[in-house]
């Protein structure tokens, strides 16, 4: 029986992270997902590549890559899914977050 993780990492997101890491030729890179204050709805999502993890970080491995979330951000992301899409508006990582009561038009910021 597998333990339910507090946040999920979609196949699309994991596969895109894998492609980007291969382009950078640095297998130590991990996708760091975080929440900061700001944006038009109060909080905003951030995505960056990081080589290190910090004490308390949650690490989720999928398809050979790792997503990292700090303990302060995870409380806003519980039951969410980090995903990736390519469409007319461009390509982007995003969070499908059931905790967000309001989101902005672009989906980059939210309120709880």
Protein backbone atom coordinates (compact mmCIF):
# COMPACT_ATOMS: atom_id res chain seq x y z
CA UNK A 1 0.00 0.00 0.00
CA UNK A 2 1.48 3.36 -1.02
CA UNK A 3 1.32 6.41 1.19
CA UNK A 4 -0.76 9.30 -0.15
CA UNK A 5 1.49 12.27 -0.84
CA UNK A 6 0.28 15.76 0.12
CA UNK A 7 0.92 17.02 -3.43
CA UNK A 8 1.09 15.19 -6.73
CA UNK A 9 3.52 15.54 -9.64
CA UNK A 10 1.85 14.82 -13.00
CA UNK A 11 3.47 12.71 -15.70
CA UNK A 12 3.43 15.72 -18.04
CA UNK A 13 5.29 17.88 -15.50
CA UNK A 14 7.79 15.15 -14.63
CA UNK A 15 8.50 14.43 -18.29
CA UNK A 16 9.05 18.12 -19.08
CA UNK A 17 11.36 18.50 -16.06
CA UNK A 18 13.31 15.48 -17.32
CA UNK A 19 13.68 17.08 -20.77
CA UNK A 20 14.86 20.39 -19.29
CA UNK A 21 17.37 18.68 -17.00
CA UNK A 22 18.76 16.72 -19.96
CA UNK A 23 19.11 19.99 -21.92
CA UNK A 24 21.06 21.52 -19.00
CA UNK A 25 23.19 18.36 -18.70
CA UNK A 26 22.98 18.54 -14.90
CA UNK A 27 21.41 15.47 -13.31
CA UNK A 28 21.52 17.14 -9.86
CA UNK A 29 18.74 19.60 -10.75
CA UNK A 30 15.35 19.29 -9.07
CA UNK A 31 12.14 21.24 -9.71
CA UNK A 32 11.47 23.46 -6.69
CA UNK A 33 7.84 24.53 -6.30
CA UNK A 34 7.09 27.32 -3.84
CA UNK A 35 4.46 29.84 -2.78
CA UNK A 36 5.22 33.51 -2.09
CA UNK A 37 3.12 36.52 -1.20
CA UNK A 38 2.15 38.65 -4.17
CA UNK A 39 0.30 38.47 -7.43
CA UNK A 40 -3.16 39.86 -8.01
CA UNK A 41 -4.83 37.32 -5.70
CA UNK A 42 -2.53 37.40 -2.64
CA UNK A 43 -0.21 34.43 -3.21
CA UNK A 44 1.70 33.29 -6.25
CA UNK A 45 3.29 30.05 -7.38
CA UNK A 46 6.97 29.86 -8.21
CA UNK A 47 8.96 27.25 -10.10
CA UNK A 48 12.73 27.08 -10.28
CA UNK A 49 15.48 24.53 -10.64
CA UNK A 50 17.62 23.82 -7.60
CA UNK A 51 20.53 21.47 -6.97
CA UNK A 52 20.03 21.25 -3.22
CA UNK A 53 17.36 20.38 -0.74
CA UNK A 54 16.91 22.00 2.64
CA UNK A 55 15.96 20.44 5.97
CA UNK A 56 12.22 19.81 6.03
CA UNK A 57 11.79 19.89 2.24
CA UNK A 58 9.37 17.36 0.80
CA UNK A 59 10.90 15.43 -2.10
CA UNK A 60 8.69 13.64 -4.61
CA UNK A 61 10.30 11.45 -7.25
CA UNK A 62 8.60 10.56 -10.51
CA UNK A 63 9.92 9.29 -13.84
CA UNK A 64 13.50 9.68 -12.66
CA UNK A 65 13.24 13.33 -11.56
CA UNK A 66 12.58 15.04 -8.23
CA UNK A 67 10.18 17.80 -7.24
CA UNK A 68 10.99 19.67 -4.00
CA UNK A 69 8.57 21.71 -1.86
CA UNK A 70 9.53 23.64 1.27
CA UNK A 71 7.51 23.12 4.48
CA UNK A 72 5.99 26.64 4.45
CA UNK A 73 4.70 26.27 0.88
CA UNK A 74 3.33 22.74 1.26
CA UNK A 75 0.54 23.97 3.56
CA UNK A 76 -0.92 25.94 0.63
CA UNK A 77 -0.49 23.09 -1.85
CA UNK A 78 -2.08 20.15 0.02
CA UNK A 79 -3.99 17.87 -2.40
CA UNK A 80 -2.78 19.94 -5.36
CA UNK A 81 -1.22 18.68 -8.57
CA UNK A 82 1.83 20.24 -10.21
CA UNK A 83 1.24 19.94 -13.94
CA UNK A 84 2.59 21.19 -17.28
CA UNK A 85 0.73 22.37 -20.36
CA UNK A 86 1.51 23.63 -23.84
CA UNK A 87 -1.15 25.61 -25.66
CA UNK A 88 -1.98 28.82 -27.46
CA UNK A 89 -1.02 30.86 -24.39
CA UNK A 90 2.40 29.20 -24.32
CA UNK A 91 4.02 26.47 -22.28
CA UNK A 92 4.00 26.58 -18.48
CA UNK A 93 4.07 24.70 -15.24
CA UNK A 94 1.00 25.29 -13.07
CA UNK A 95 -0.67 24.02 -9.91
CA UNK A 96 -4.17 22.59 -9.93
CA UNK A 97 -4.94 23.65 -6.35
CA UNK A 98 -8.24 22.67 -4.68
CA UNK A 99 -7.41 25.01 -1.75
CA UNK A 100 -7.49 28.13 -3.91
CA UNK A 101 -10.74 30.03 -3.40
CA UNK A 102 -9.83 32.62 -6.04
CA UNK A 103 -7.32 32.52 -8.89
CA UNK A 104 -6.22 35.19 -11.32
CA UNK A 105 -6.86 34.91 -15.04
CA UNK A 106 -3.40 33.53 -15.80
CA UNK A 107 -3.52 31.01 -12.93
CA UNK A 108 -0.20 32.17 -11.47
CA UNK A 109 -1.68 33.65 -8.29
CA UNK A 110 -4.39 32.58 -5.87
CA UNK A 111 -6.02 33.21 -2.50
CA UNK A 112 -7.13 30.78 0.20
